[in-house]
Amino acid sequence: MTEIRLYLDEDTMDNDLLEALRLRKVDVLSVGEAQMLSRSDEEQLKWALNNQRVIYSFNVRDFYKIHTNLVENSQNHAGIILGAQNYSIGEQMRRIIRIIANKSAEEMQNQVEFLSAWGEQ
């Protein structure tokens, strides 16, 4: 089982979140660091798949629609984590780490996880 490697899209690429995750040894990269700013969501997902990274976004509607289209057309993605902007940096970090602790990169392939499902357990 391979540990999840994260890719933060433009909505979620907060320096405080990046730092908090990195302090906890999470392999995380932002679209800015990948030089992928202003690319389409489809391009972001393709880049994430090619680089074996699970994308994290607040763009629930668009990414879930893309996920559905890819699955219906037997196409792949490395995984998507969808969150909401109303979570604090600390809460986002804790829930993301909970997902990473419980799911492998292989288990995330072609899957969507909602941050809201990963609260205190």
PDB file of N, CA and C in Angstrom:
ATOM      1  N   MET A   1       0.840  -1.193   0.000  1.00  0.00           N
ATOM      2  CA  MET A   1       0.000   0.000   0.000  1.00  0.00           C
ATOM      3  C   MET A   1       0.879   1.249   0.000  1.00  0.00           C
ATOM      4  N   THR A   2       0.575   2.136  -0.903  1.00  0.00           N
ATOM      5  CA  THR A   2       1.324   3.382  -1.043  1.00  0.00           C
ATOM      6  C   THR A   2       0.576   4.509  -0.336  1.00  0.00           C
ATOM      7  N   GLU A   3       1.316   5.352   0.368  1.00  0.00           N
ATOM      8  CA  GLU A   3       0.692   6.473   1.059  1.00  0.00           C
ATOM      9  C   GLU A   3       0.226   7.523   0.055  1.00  0.00           C
ATOM     10  N   ILE A   4      -0.887   8.135   0.362  1.00  0.00           N
ATOM     11  CA  ILE A   4      -1.453   9.189  -0.480  1.00  0.00           C
ATOM     12  C   ILE A   4      -0.500  10.374  -0.542  1.00  0.00           C
ATOM     13  N   ARG A   5      -0.287  10.853  -1.762  1.00  0.00           N
ATOM     14  CA  ARG A   5       0.462  12.082  -2.020  1.00  0.00           C
ATOM     15  C   ARG A   5      -0.555  13.109  -2.502  1.00  0.00           C
ATOM     16  N   LEU A   6      -0.570  14.283  -1.874  1.00  0.00           N
ATOM     17  CA  LEU A   6      -1.603  15.284  -2.148  1.00  0.00           C
ATOM     18  C   LEU A   6      -1.181  16.328  -3.171  1.00  0.00           C
ATOM     19  N   TYR A   7      -2.200  16.861  -3.817  1.00  0.00           N
ATOM     20  CA  TYR A   7      -2.054  17.943  -4.784  1.00  0.00           C
ATOM     21  C   TYR A   7      -3.158  18.948  -4.483  1.00  0.00           C
ATOM     22  N   LEU A   8      -2.804  20.133  -4.006  1.00  0.00           N
ATOM     23  CA  LEU A   8      -3.784  21.153  -3.638  1.00  0.00           C
ATOM     24  C   LEU A   8      -4.083  22.049  -4.826  1.00  0.00           C
ATOM     25  N   ASP A   9      -5.369  22.147  -5.172  1.00  0.00           N
ATOM     26  CA  ASP A   9      -5.738  23.010  -6.301  1.00  0.00           C
ATOM     27  C   ASP A   9      -5.711  24.476  -5.883  1.00  0.00           C
ATOM     28  N   GLU A  10      -6.064  25.356  -6.803  1.00  0.00           N
ATOM     29  CA  GLU A  10      -5.963  26.793  -6.535  1.00  0.00           C
ATOM     30  C   GLU A  10      -6.851  27.245  -5.382  1.00  0.00           C
ATOM     31  N   ASP A  11      -8.007  26.583  -5.202  1.00  0.00           N
ATOM     32  CA  ASP A  11      -8.913  26.954  -4.108  1.00  0.00           C
ATOM     33  C   ASP A  11      -8.322  26.620  -2.740  1.00  0.00           C
ATOM     34  N   THR A  12      -7.583  25.529  -2.668  1.00  0.00           N
ATOM     35  CA  THR A  12      -7.132  25.018  -1.366  1.00  0.00           C
ATOM     36  C   THR A  12      -5.670  25.296  -1.062  1.00  0.00           C
ATOM     37  N   MET A  13      -4.933  25.885  -2.010  1.00  0.00           N
ATOM     38  CA  MET A  13      -3.487  26.034  -1.795  1.00  0.00           C
ATOM     39  C   MET A  13      -3.165  27.194  -0.864  1.00  0.00           C
ATOM     40  N   ASP A  14      -3.434  26.986   0.375  1.00  0.00           N
ATOM     41  CA  ASP A  14      -3.157  27.945   1.439  1.00  0.00           C
ATOM     42  C   ASP A  14      -1.788  27.608   2.036  1.00  0.00           C
ATOM     43  N   ASN A  15      -0.908  28.611   2.165  1.00  0.00           N
ATOM     44  CA  ASN A  15       0.436  28.362   2.697  1.00  0.00           C
ATOM     45  C   ASN A  15       0.401  27.768   4.096  1.00  0.00           C
ATOM     46  N   ASP A  16      -0.559  28.184   4.931  1.00  0.00           N
ATOM     47  CA  ASP A  16      -0.655  27.634   6.286  1.00  0.00           C
ATOM     48  C   ASP A  16      -1.026  26.157   6.249  1.00  0.00           C
ATOM     49  N   LEU A  17      -1.930  25.775   5.332  1.00  0.00           N
ATOM     50  CA  LEU A  17      -2.301  24.360   5.207  1.00  0.00           C
ATOM     51  C   LEU A  17      -1.117  23.555   4.678  1.00  0.00           C
ATOM     52  N   LEU A  18      -0.436  24.075   3.670  1.00  0.00           N
ATOM     53  CA  LEU A  18       0.753  23.387   3.146  1.00  0.00           C
ATOM     54  C   LEU A  18       1.769  23.148   4.261  1.00  0.00           C
ATOM     55  N   GLU A  19       2.047  24.170   5.027  1.00  0.00           N
ATOM     56  CA  GLU A  19       3.032  24.053   6.107  1.00  0.00           C
ATOM     57  C   GLU A  19       2.576  23.068   7.175  1.00  0.00           C
ATOM     58  N   ALA A  20       1.302  23.147   7.573  1.00  0.00           N
ATOM     59  CA  ALA A  20       0.777  22.242   8.600  1.00  0.00           C
ATOM     60  C   ALA A  20       0.873  20.789   8.148  1.00  0.00           C
ATOM     61  N   LEU A  21       0.536  20.519   6.899  1.00  0.00           N
ATOM     62  CA  LEU A  21       0.622  19.153   6.385  1.00  0.00           C
ATOM     63  C   LEU A  21       2.072  18.691   6.291  1.00  0.00           C
ATOM     64  N   ARG A  22       2.937  19.556   5.821  1.00  0.00           N
ATOM     65  CA  ARG A  22       4.351  19.180   5.692  1.00  0.00           C
ATOM     66  C   ARG A  22       5.000  18.933   7.047  1.00  0.00           C
ATOM     67  N   LEU A  23       4.605  19.699   8.057  1.00  0.00           N
ATOM     68  CA  LEU A  23       5.132  19.468   9.405  1.00  0.00           C
ATOM     69  C   LEU A  23       4.746  18.082   9.916  1.00  0.00           C
ATOM     70  N   ARG A  24       3.682  17.545   9.366  1.00  0.00           N
ATOM     71  CA  ARG A  24       3.214  16.202   9.748  1.00  0.00           C
ATOM     72  C   ARG A  24       3.620  15.149   8.725  1.00  0.00           C
ATOM     73  N   LYS A  25       4.622  15.481   7.942  1.00  0.00           N
ATOM     74  CA  LYS A  25       5.255  14.558   6.993  1.00  0.00           C
ATOM     75  C   LYS A  25       4.350  14.110   5.853  1.00  0.00           C
ATOM     76  N   VAL A  26       3.371  14.955   5.487  1.00  0.00           N
ATOM     77  CA  VAL A  26       2.519  14.654   4.335  1.00  0.00           C
ATOM     78  C   VAL A  26       3.235  15.137   3.081  1.00  0.00           C
ATOM     79  N   ASP A  27       3.266  14.298   2.064  1.00  0.00           N
ATOM     80  CA  ASP A  27       3.830  14.664   0.765  1.00  0.00           C
ATOM     81  C   ASP A  27       2.755  15.473   0.042  1.00  0.00           C
ATOM     82  N   VAL A  28       2.938  16.781  -0.023  1.00  0.00           N
ATOM     83  CA  VAL A  28       1.916  17.669  -0.581  1.00  0.00           C
ATOM     84  C   VAL A  28       2.566  18.686  -1.506  1.00  0.00           C
ATOM     85  N   LEU A  29       1.860  18.980  -2.589  1.00  0.00           N
ATOM     86  CA  LEU A  29       2.325  19.920  -3.591  1.00  0.00           C
ATOM     87  C   LEU A  29       1.138  20.787  -4.000  1.00  0.00           C
ATOM     88  N   SER A  30       1.366  22.064  -4.217  1.00  0.00           N
ATOM     89  CA  SER A  30       0.293  22.946  -4.676  1.00  0.00           C
ATOM     90  C   SER A  30       0.390  23.137  -6.186  1.00  0.00           C
ATOM     91  N   VAL A  31      -0.701  23.587  -6.793  1.00  0.00           N
ATOM     92  CA  VAL A  31      -0.681  23.853  -8.233  1.00  0.00           C
ATOM     93  C   VAL A  31       0.342  24.935  -8.573  1.00  0.00           C
ATOM     94  N   GLY A  32       0.544  25.878  -7.664  1.00  0.00           N
ATOM     95  CA  GLY A  32       1.549  26.911  -7.888  1.00  0.00           C
ATOM     96  C   GLY A  32       2.940  26.311  -7.971  1.00  0.00           C
ATOM     97  N   GLU A  33       3.243  25.408  -7.050  1.00  0.00           N
ATOM     98  CA  GLU A  33       4.554  24.757  -7.053  1.00  0.00           C
ATOM     99  C   GLU A  33       4.742  23.872  -8.289  1.00  0.00           C
ATOM    100  N   ALA A  34       3.637  23.312  -8.783  1.00  0.00           N
ATOM    101  CA  ALA A  34       3.688  22.453  -9.973  1.00  0.00           C
ATOM    102  C   ALA A  34       3.627  23.264 -11.267  1.00  0.00           C
ATOM    103  N   GLN A  35       3.536  24.587 -11.127  1.00  0.00           N
ATOM    104  CA  GLN A  35       3.419  25.497 -12.269  1.00  0.00           C
ATOM    105  C   GLN A  35       2.205  25.153 -13.135  1.00  0.00           C
ATOM    106  N   MET A  36       1.088  24.905 -12.443  1.00  0.00           N
ATOM    107  CA  MET A  36      -0.163  24.542 -13.124  1.00  0.00           C
ATOM    108  C   MET A  36      -1.268  25.562 -12.861  1.00  0.00           C
ATOM    109  N   LEU A  37      -0.918  26.774 -12.452  1.00  0.00           N
ATOM    110  CA  LEU A  37      -1.922  27.801 -12.179  1.00  0.00           C
ATOM    111  C   LEU A  37      -2.760  28.091 -13.420  1.00  0.00           C
ATOM    112  N   SER A  38      -4.034  28.361 -13.207  1.00  0.00           N
ATOM    113  CA  SER A  38      -4.987  28.760 -14.243  1.00  0.00           C
ATOM    114  C   SER A  38      -5.283  27.678 -15.276  1.00  0.00           C
ATOM    115  N   ARG A  39      -4.974  26.439 -14.957  1.00  0.00           N
ATOM    116  CA  ARG A  39      -5.322  25.331 -15.855  1.00  0.00           C
ATOM    117  C   ARG A  39      -6.721  24.849 -15.507  1.00  0.00           C
ATOM    118  N   SER A  40      -7.355  24.163 -16.437  1.00  0.00           N
ATOM    119  CA  SER A  40      -8.713  23.660 -16.206  1.00  0.00           C
ATOM    120  C   SER A  40      -8.699  22.543 -15.164  1.00  0.00           C
ATOM    121  N   ASP A  41      -9.851  22.282 -14.599  1.00  0.00           N
ATOM    122  CA  ASP A  41      -9.967  21.189 -13.627  1.00  0.00           C
ATOM    123  C   ASP A  41      -9.585  19.856 -14.260  1.00  0.00           C
ATOM    124  N   GLU A  42      -9.965  19.658 -15.511  1.00  0.00           N
ATOM    125  CA  GLU A  42      -9.620  18.419 -16.210  1.00  0.00           C
ATOM    126  C   GLU A  42      -8.102  18.281 -16.356  1.00  0.00           C
ATOM    127  N   GLU A  43      -7.440  19.389 -16.688  1.00  0.00           N
ATOM    128  CA  GLU A  43      -5.979  19.364 -16.805  1.00  0.00           C
ATOM    129  C   GLU A  43      -5.332  19.075 -15.453  1.00  0.00           C
ATOM    130  N   GLN A  44      -5.903  19.653 -14.391  1.00  0.00           N
ATOM    131  CA  GLN A  44      -5.371  19.410 -13.046  1.00  0.00           C
ATOM    132  C   GLN A  44      -5.485  17.924 -12.688  1.00  0.00           C
ATOM    133  N   LEU A  45      -6.639  17.337 -12.975  1.00  0.00           N
ATOM    134  CA  LEU A  45      -6.834  15.912 -12.670  1.00  0.00           C
ATOM    135  C   LEU A  45      -5.896  15.040 -13.493  1.00  0.00           C
ATOM    136  N   LYS A  46      -5.683  15.390 -14.743  1.00  0.00           N
ATOM    137  CA  LYS A  46      -4.773  14.614 -15.593  1.00  0.00           C
ATOM    138  C   LYS A  46      -3.346  14.723 -15.052  1.00  0.00           C
ATOM    139  N   TRP A  47      -2.929  15.936 -14.671  1.00  0.00           N
ATOM    140  CA  TRP A  47      -1.603  16.116 -14.103  1.00  0.00           C
ATOM    141  C   TRP A  47      -1.463  15.289 -12.823  1.00  0.00           C
ATOM    142  N   ALA A  48      -2.489  15.343 -11.977  1.00  0.00           N
ATOM    143  CA  ALA A  48      -2.468  14.587 -10.718  1.00  0.00           C
ATOM    144  C   ALA A  48      -2.342  13.086 -10.986  1.00  0.00           C
ATOM    145  N   LEU A  49      -3.067  12.576 -11.969  1.00  0.00           N
ATOM    146  CA  LEU A  49      -2.978  11.154 -12.312  1.00  0.00           C
ATOM    147  C   LEU A  49      -1.570  10.818 -12.804  1.00  0.00           C
ATOM    148  N   ASN A  50      -1.048  11.620 -13.711  1.00  0.00           N
ATOM    149  CA  ASN A  50       0.288  11.359 -14.257  1.00  0.00           C
ATOM    150  C   ASN A  50       1.379  11.425 -13.195  1.00  0.00           C
ATOM    151  N   ASN A  51       1.126  12.183 -12.123  1.00  0.00           N
ATOM    152  CA  ASN A  51       2.104  12.346 -11.045  1.00  0.00           C
ATOM    153  C   ASN A  51       1.697  11.610  -9.771  1.00  0.00           C
ATOM    154  N   GLN A  52       0.696  10.755  -9.883  1.00  0.00           N
ATOM    155  CA  GLN A  52       0.217   9.911  -8.780  1.00  0.00           C
ATOM    156  C   GLN A  52      -0.077  10.713  -7.510  1.00  0.00           C
ATOM    157  N   ARG A  53      -0.915  11.754  -7.688  1.00  0.00           N
ATOM    158  CA  ARG A  53      -1.304  12.592  -6.562  1.00  0.00           C
ATOM    159  C   ARG A  53      -2.823  12.692  -6.488  1.00  0.00           C
ATOM    160  N   VAL A  54      -3.338  12.682  -5.286  1.00  0.00           N
ATOM    161  CA  VAL A  54      -4.769  12.862  -5.031  1.00  0.00           C
ATOM    162  C   VAL A  54      -5.018  14.355  -4.913  1.00  0.00           C
ATOM    163  N   ILE A  55      -5.970  14.845  -5.688  1.00  0.00           N
ATOM    164  CA  ILE A  55      -6.244  16.280  -5.674  1.00  0.00           C
ATOM    165  C   ILE A  55      -7.201  16.623  -4.535  1.00  0.00           C
ATOM    166  N   TYR A  56      -6.958  17.766  -3.902  1.00  0.00           N
ATOM    167  CA  TYR A  56      -7.823  18.285  -2.846  1.00  0.00           C
ATOM    168  C   TYR A  56      -8.385  19.611  -3.325  1.00  0.00           C
ATOM    169  N   SER A  57      -9.722  19.745  -3.269  1.00  0.00           N
ATOM    170  CA  SER A  57     -10.381  20.940  -3.788  1.00  0.00           C
ATOM    171  C   SER A  57     -11.631  21.283  -2.985  1.00  0.00           C
ATOM    172  N   PHE A  58     -12.019  22.543  -3.059  1.00  0.00           N
ATOM    173  CA  PHE A  58     -13.320  22.987  -2.540  1.00  0.00           C
ATOM    174  C   PHE A  58     -14.365  22.987  -3.645  1.00  0.00           C
ATOM    175  N   ASN A  59     -13.952  22.754  -4.876  1.00  0.00           N
ATOM    176  CA  ASN A  59     -14.830  22.842  -6.039  1.00  0.00           C
ATOM    177  C   ASN A  59     -15.639  21.547  -6.190  1.00  0.00           C
ATOM    178  N   VAL A  60     -16.539  21.336  -5.258  1.00  0.00           N
ATOM    179  CA  VAL A  60     -17.277  20.074  -5.149  1.00  0.00           C
ATOM    180  C   VAL A  60     -18.072  19.774  -6.414  1.00  0.00           C
ATOM    181  N   ARG A  61     -18.879  20.695  -6.847  1.00  0.00           N
ATOM    182  CA  ARG A  61     -19.773  20.435  -7.979  1.00  0.00           C
ATOM    183  C   ARG A  61     -19.000  20.041  -9.237  1.00  0.00           C
ATOM    184  N   ASP A  62     -18.013  20.844  -9.603  1.00  0.00           N
ATOM    185  CA  ASP A  62     -17.288  20.589 -10.849  1.00  0.00           C
ATOM    186  C   ASP A  62     -16.473  19.301 -10.789  1.00  0.00           C
ATOM    187  N   PHE A  63     -15.746  19.087  -9.690  1.00  0.00           N
ATOM    188  CA  PHE A  63     -14.920  17.882  -9.616  1.00  0.00           C
ATOM    189  C   PHE A  63     -15.764  16.615  -9.508  1.00  0.00           C
ATOM    190  N   TYR A  64     -16.907  16.689  -8.835  1.00  0.00           N
ATOM    191  CA  TYR A  64     -17.745  15.485  -8.763  1.00  0.00           C
ATOM    192  C   TYR A  64     -18.328  15.170 -10.145  1.00  0.00           C
ATOM    193  N   LYS A  65     -18.670  16.198 -10.881  1.00  0.00           N
ATOM    194  CA  LYS A  65     -19.176  16.001 -12.244  1.00  0.00           C
ATOM    195  C   LYS A  65     -18.096  15.385 -13.134  1.00  0.00           C
ATOM    196  N   ILE A  66     -16.885  15.907 -13.049  1.00  0.00           N
ATOM    197  CA  ILE A  66     -15.775  15.353 -13.833  1.00  0.00           C
ATOM    198  C   ILE A  66     -15.519  13.897 -13.432  1.00  0.00           C
ATOM    199  N   HIS A  67     -15.516  13.630 -12.130  1.00  0.00           N
ATOM    200  CA  HIS A  67     -15.335  12.258 -11.634  1.00  0.00           C
ATOM    201  C   HIS A  67     -16.374  11.324 -12.253  1.00  0.00           C
ATOM    202  N   THR A  68     -17.633  11.727 -12.216  1.00  0.00           N
ATOM    203  CA  THR A  68     -18.723  10.906 -12.756  1.00  0.00           C
ATOM    204  C   THR A  68     -18.512  10.643 -14.243  1.00  0.00           C
ATOM    205  N   ASN A  69     -18.157  11.674 -14.992  1.00  0.00           N
ATOM    206  CA  ASN A  69     -17.914  11.519 -16.433  1.00  0.00           C
ATOM    207  C   ASN A  69     -16.748  10.576 -16.709  1.00  0.00           C
ATOM    208  N   LEU A  70     -15.672  10.712 -15.947  1.00  0.00           N
ATOM    209  CA  LEU A  70     -14.521   9.832 -16.147  1.00  0.00           C
ATOM    210  C   LEU A  70     -14.878   8.376 -15.868  1.00  0.00           C
ATOM    211  N   VAL A  71     -15.557   8.138 -14.762  1.00  0.00           N
ATOM    212  CA  VAL A  71     -15.928   6.770 -14.391  1.00  0.00           C
ATOM    213  C   VAL A  71     -16.873   6.171 -15.438  1.00  0.00           C
ATOM    214  N   GLU A  72     -17.855   6.952 -15.883  1.00  0.00           N
ATOM    215  CA  GLU A  72     -18.802   6.459 -16.895  1.00  0.00           C
ATOM    216  C   GLU A  72     -18.103   6.122 -18.209  1.00  0.00           C
ATOM    217  N   ASN A  73     -16.972   6.790 -18.499  1.00  0.00           N
ATOM    218  CA  ASN A  73     -16.238   6.558 -19.733  1.00  0.00           C
ATOM    219  C   ASN A  73     -15.007   5.672 -19.527  1.00  0.00           C
ATOM    220  N   SER A  74     -14.984   4.957 -18.405  1.00  0.00           N
ATOM    221  CA  SER A  74     -13.891   4.031 -18.077  1.00  0.00           C
ATOM    222  C   SER A  74     -12.517   4.693 -18.130  1.00  0.00           C
ATOM    223  N   GLN A  75     -12.471   5.955 -17.694  1.00  0.00           N
ATOM    224  CA  GLN A  75     -11.201   6.671 -17.600  1.00  0.00           C
ATOM    225  C   GLN A  75     -10.820   6.804 -16.136  1.00  0.00           C
ATOM    226  N   ASN A  76      -9.561   7.052 -15.874  1.00  0.00           N
ATOM    227  CA  ASN A  76      -9.055   7.028 -14.502  1.00  0.00           C
ATOM    228  C   ASN A  76      -8.659   8.400 -13.979  1.00  0.00           C
ATOM    229  N   HIS A  77      -8.639   8.489 -12.657  1.00  0.00           N
ATOM    230  CA  HIS A  77      -8.005   9.602 -11.961  1.00  0.00           C
ATOM    231  C   HIS A  77      -7.398   9.039 -10.681  1.00  0.00           C
ATOM    232  N   ALA A  78      -6.472   9.773 -10.094  1.00  0.00           N
ATOM    233  CA  ALA A  78      -5.736   9.285  -8.928  1.00  0.00           C
ATOM    234  C   ALA A  78      -6.521   9.405  -7.630  1.00  0.00           C
ATOM    235  N   GLY A  79      -7.651  10.110  -7.670  1.00  0.00           N
ATOM    236  CA  GLY A  79      -8.465  10.301  -6.478  1.00  0.00           C
ATOM    237  C   GLY A  79      -8.721  11.770  -6.230  1.00  0.00           C
ATOM    238  N   ILE A  80      -9.838  12.024  -5.564  1.00  0.00           N
ATOM    239  CA  ILE A  80     -10.246  13.404  -5.286  1.00  0.00           C
ATOM    240  C   ILE A  80     -10.723  13.477  -3.838  1.00  0.00           C
ATOM    241  N   ILE A  81     -10.260  14.479  -3.129  1.00  0.00           N
ATOM    242  CA  ILE A  81     -10.782  14.807  -1.800  1.00  0.00           C
ATOM    243  C   ILE A  81     -11.463  16.158  -1.935  1.00  0.00           C
ATOM    244  N   LEU A  82     -12.725  16.216  -1.527  1.00  0.00           N
ATOM    245  CA  LEU A  82     -13.504  17.446  -1.641  1.00  0.00           C
ATOM    246  C   LEU A  82     -13.839  17.982  -0.263  1.00  0.00           C
ATOM    247  N   GLY A  83     -13.560  19.250  -0.059  1.00  0.00           N
ATOM    248  CA  GLY A  83     -13.807  19.887   1.228  1.00  0.00           C
ATOM    249  C   GLY A  83     -14.662  21.128   1.083  1.00  0.00           C
ATOM    250  N   ALA A  84     -14.818  21.822   2.187  1.00  0.00           N
ATOM    251  CA  ALA A  84     -15.595  23.058   2.222  1.00  0.00           C
ATOM    252  C   ALA A  84     -14.745  24.161   2.833  1.00  0.00           C
ATOM    253  N   GLN A  85     -14.942  25.372   2.347  1.00  0.00           N
ATOM    254  CA  GLN A  85     -14.134  26.502   2.799  1.00  0.00           C
ATOM    255  C   GLN A  85     -14.406  26.888   4.249  1.00  0.00           C
ATOM    256  N   ASN A  86     -15.480  26.390   4.825  1.00  0.00           N
ATOM    257  CA  ASN A  86     -15.816  26.791   6.193  1.00  0.00           C
ATOM    258  C   ASN A  86     -14.998  26.054   7.254  1.00  0.00           C
ATOM    259  N   TYR A  87     -14.183  25.083   6.866  1.00  0.00           N
ATOM    260  CA  TYR A  87     -13.312  24.401   7.830  1.00  0.00           C
ATOM    261  C   TYR A  87     -12.064  25.234   8.078  1.00  0.00           C
ATOM    262  N   SER A  88     -11.628  25.277   9.329  1.00  0.00           N
ATOM    263  CA  SER A  88     -10.375  25.955   9.650  1.00  0.00           C
ATOM    264  C   SER A  88      -9.211  25.167   9.041  1.00  0.00           C
ATOM    265  N   ILE A  89      -8.055  25.798   8.985  1.00  0.00           N
ATOM    266  CA  ILE A  89      -6.853  25.110   8.496  1.00  0.00           C
ATOM    267  C   ILE A  89      -6.611  23.863   9.350  1.00  0.00           C
ATOM    268  N   GLY A  90      -6.721  24.003  10.658  1.00  0.00           N
ATOM    269  CA  GLY A  90      -6.495  22.862  11.561  1.00  0.00           C
ATOM    270  C   GLY A  90      -7.468  21.728  11.307  1.00  0.00           C
ATOM    271  N   GLU A  91      -8.723  22.060  11.084  1.00  0.00           N
ATOM    272  CA  GLU A  91      -9.733  21.023  10.835  1.00  0.00           C
ATOM    273  C   GLU A  91      -9.495  20.353   9.493  1.00  0.00           C
ATOM    274  N   GLN A  92      -9.154  21.120   8.470  1.00  0.00           N
ATOM    275  CA  GLN A  92      -8.827  20.520   7.173  1.00  0.00           C
ATOM    276  C   GLN A  92      -7.656  19.558   7.328  1.00  0.00           C
ATOM    277  N   MET A  93      -6.607  20.014   8.010  1.00  0.00           N
ATOM    278  CA  MET A  93      -5.414  19.203   8.197  1.00  0.00           C
ATOM    279  C   MET A  93      -5.741  17.901   8.923  1.00  0.00           C
ATOM    280  N   ARG A  94      -6.492  17.977  10.012  1.00  0.00           N
ATOM    281  CA  ARG A  94      -6.828  16.779  10.787  1.00  0.00           C
ATOM    282  C   ARG A  94      -7.626  15.782   9.954  1.00  0.00           C
ATOM    283  N   ARG A  95      -8.591  16.270   9.193  1.00  0.00           N
ATOM    284  CA  ARG A  95      -9.416  15.370   8.382  1.00  0.00           C
ATOM    285  C   ARG A  95      -8.621  14.773   7.220  1.00  0.00           C
ATOM    286  N   ILE A  96      -7.767  15.561   6.595  1.00  0.00           N
ATOM    287  CA  ILE A  96      -6.921  15.037   5.522  1.00  0.00           C
ATOM    288  C   ILE A  96      -5.996  13.954   6.076  1.00  0.00           C
ATOM    289  N   ILE A  97      -5.391  14.216   7.212  1.00  0.00           N
ATOM    290  CA  ILE A  97      -4.491  13.221   7.817  1.00  0.00           C
ATOM    291  C   ILE A  97      -5.263  11.949   8.180  1.00  0.00           C
ATOM    292  N   ARG A  98      -6.495  12.099   8.613  1.00  0.00           N
ATOM    293  CA  ARG A  98      -7.325  10.930   8.919  1.00  0.00           C
ATOM    294  C   ARG A  98      -7.562  10.093   7.657  1.00  0.00           C
ATOM    295  N   ILE A  99      -7.815  10.756   6.550  1.00  0.00           N
ATOM    296  CA  ILE A  99      -7.996  10.030   5.287  1.00  0.00           C
ATOM    297  C   ILE A  99      -6.703   9.305   4.921  1.00  0.00           C
ATOM    298  N   ILE A 100      -5.575  10.005   5.000  1.00  0.00           N
ATOM    299  CA  ILE A 100      -4.287   9.410   4.641  1.00  0.00           C
ATOM    300  C   ILE A 100      -3.966   8.212   5.533  1.00  0.00           C
ATOM    301  N   ALA A 101      -4.335   8.300   6.806  1.00  0.00           N
ATOM    302  CA  ALA A 101      -4.065   7.200   7.741  1.00  0.00           C
ATOM    303  C   ALA A 101      -4.945   5.978   7.466  1.00  0.00           C
ATOM    304  N   ASN A 102      -6.081   6.187   6.805  1.00  0.00           N
ATOM    305  CA  ASN A 102      -7.037   5.101   6.624  1.00  0.00           C
ATOM    306  C   ASN A 102      -7.171   4.580   5.201  1.00  0.00           C
ATOM    307  N   LYS A 103      -6.649   5.293   4.237  1.00  0.00           N
ATOM    308  CA  LYS A 103      -6.780   4.888   2.832  1.00  0.00           C
ATOM    309  C   LYS A 103      -5.420   4.953   2.152  1.00  0.00           C
ATOM    310  N   SER A 104      -5.177   4.013   1.270  1.00  0.00           N
ATOM    311  CA  SER A 104      -3.936   4.027   0.499  1.00  0.00           C
ATOM    312  C   SER A 104      -4.163   4.779  -0.813  1.00  0.00           C
ATOM    313  N   ALA A 105      -3.067   5.094  -1.482  1.00  0.00           N
ATOM    314  CA  ALA A 105      -3.167   5.731  -2.797  1.00  0.00           C
ATOM    315  C   ALA A 105      -3.942   4.826  -3.753  1.00  0.00           C
ATOM    316  N   GLU A 106      -3.711   3.519  -3.662  1.00  0.00           N
ATOM    317  CA  GLU A 106      -4.423   2.569  -4.521  1.00  0.00           C
ATOM    318  C   GLU A 106      -5.930   2.580  -4.249  1.00  0.00           C
ATOM    319  N   GLU A 107      -6.304   2.694  -2.985  1.00  0.00           N
ATOM    320  CA  GLU A 107      -7.724   2.733  -2.625  1.00  0.00           C
ATOM    321  C   GLU A 107      -8.399   4.028  -3.059  1.00  0.00           C
ATOM    322  N   MET A 108      -7.624   5.070  -3.268  1.00  0.00           N
ATOM    323  CA  MET A 108      -8.180   6.361  -3.689  1.00  0.00           C
ATOM    324  C   MET A 108      -8.400   6.439  -5.198  1.00  0.00           C
ATOM    325  N   GLN A 109      -7.784   5.553  -5.963  1.00  0.00           N
ATOM    326  CA  GLN A 109      -7.906   5.619  -7.415  1.00  0.00           C
ATOM    327  C   GLN A 109      -9.374   5.565  -7.828  1.00  0.00           C
ATOM    328  N   ASN A 110      -9.766   6.552  -8.636  1.00  0.00           N
ATOM    329  CA  ASN A 110     -11.125   6.688  -9.169  1.00  0.00           C
ATOM    330  C   ASN A 110     -12.188   6.865  -8.085  1.00  0.00           C
ATOM    331  N   GLN A 111     -11.773   7.319  -6.910  1.00  0.00           N
ATOM    332  CA  GLN A 111     -12.691   7.524  -5.788  1.00  0.00           C
ATOM    333  C   GLN A 111     -12.747   8.997  -5.402  1.00  0.00           C
ATOM    334  N   VAL A 112     -13.860   9.360  -4.780  1.00  0.00           N
ATOM    335  CA  VAL A 112     -14.020  10.696  -4.206  1.00  0.00           C
ATOM    336  C   VAL A 112     -14.274  10.523  -2.718  1.00  0.00           C
ATOM    337  N   GLU A 113     -13.555  11.263  -1.914  1.00  0.00           N
ATOM    338  CA  GLU A 113     -13.783  11.308  -0.469  1.00  0.00           C
ATOM    339  C   GLU A 113     -14.193  12.724  -0.109  1.00  0.00           C
ATOM    340  N   PHE A 114     -15.199  12.831   0.733  1.00  0.00           N
ATOM    341  CA  PHE A 114     -15.665  14.132   1.210  1.00  0.00           C
ATOM    342  C   PHE A 114     -15.085  14.379   2.594  1.00  0.00           C
ATOM    343  N   LEU A 115     -14.437  15.512   2.762  1.00  0.00           N
ATOM    344  CA  LEU A 115     -13.841  15.853   4.054  1.00  0.00           C
ATOM    345  C   LEU A 115     -14.878  15.793   5.173  1.00  0.00           C
ATOM    346  N   SER A 116     -16.108  16.131   4.856  1.00  0.00           N
ATOM    347  CA  SER A 116     -17.175  16.138   5.861  1.00  0.00           C
ATOM    348  C   SER A 116     -17.415  14.766   6.487  1.00  0.00           C
ATOM    349  N   ALA A 117     -17.038  13.704   5.803  1.00  0.00           N
ATOM    350  CA  ALA A 117     -17.242  12.346   6.327  1.00  0.00           C
ATOM    351  C   ALA A 117     -16.120  11.908   7.255  1.00  0.00           C
ATOM    352  N   TRP A 118     -15.100  12.726   7.410  1.00  0.00           N
ATOM    353  CA  TRP A 118     -13.905  12.345   8.159  1.00  0.00           C
ATOM    354  C   TRP A 118     -13.702  13.168   9.424  1.00  0.00           C
ATOM    355  N   GLY A 119     -14.813  13.525  10.089  1.00  0.00           N
ATOM    356  CA  GLY A 119     -14.736  14.249  11.352  1.00  0.00           C
ATOM    357  C   GLY A 119     -14.349  13.291  12.481  1.00  0.00           C
ATOM    358  N   GLU A 120     -14.516  13.742  13.694  1.00  0.00           N
ATOM    359  CA  GLU A 120     -14.171  12.903  14.858  1.00  0.00           C
ATOM    360  C   GLU A 120     -14.903  11.575  14.771  1.00  0.00           C
ATOM    361  N   GLN A 121     -14.134  10.511  15.018  1.00  0.00           N
ATOM    362  CA  GLN A 121     -14.727   9.170  14.906  1.00  0.00           C
ATOM    363  C   GLN A 121     -14.609   8.412  16.190  1.00  0.00           C
TER     364      GLN A 121
END
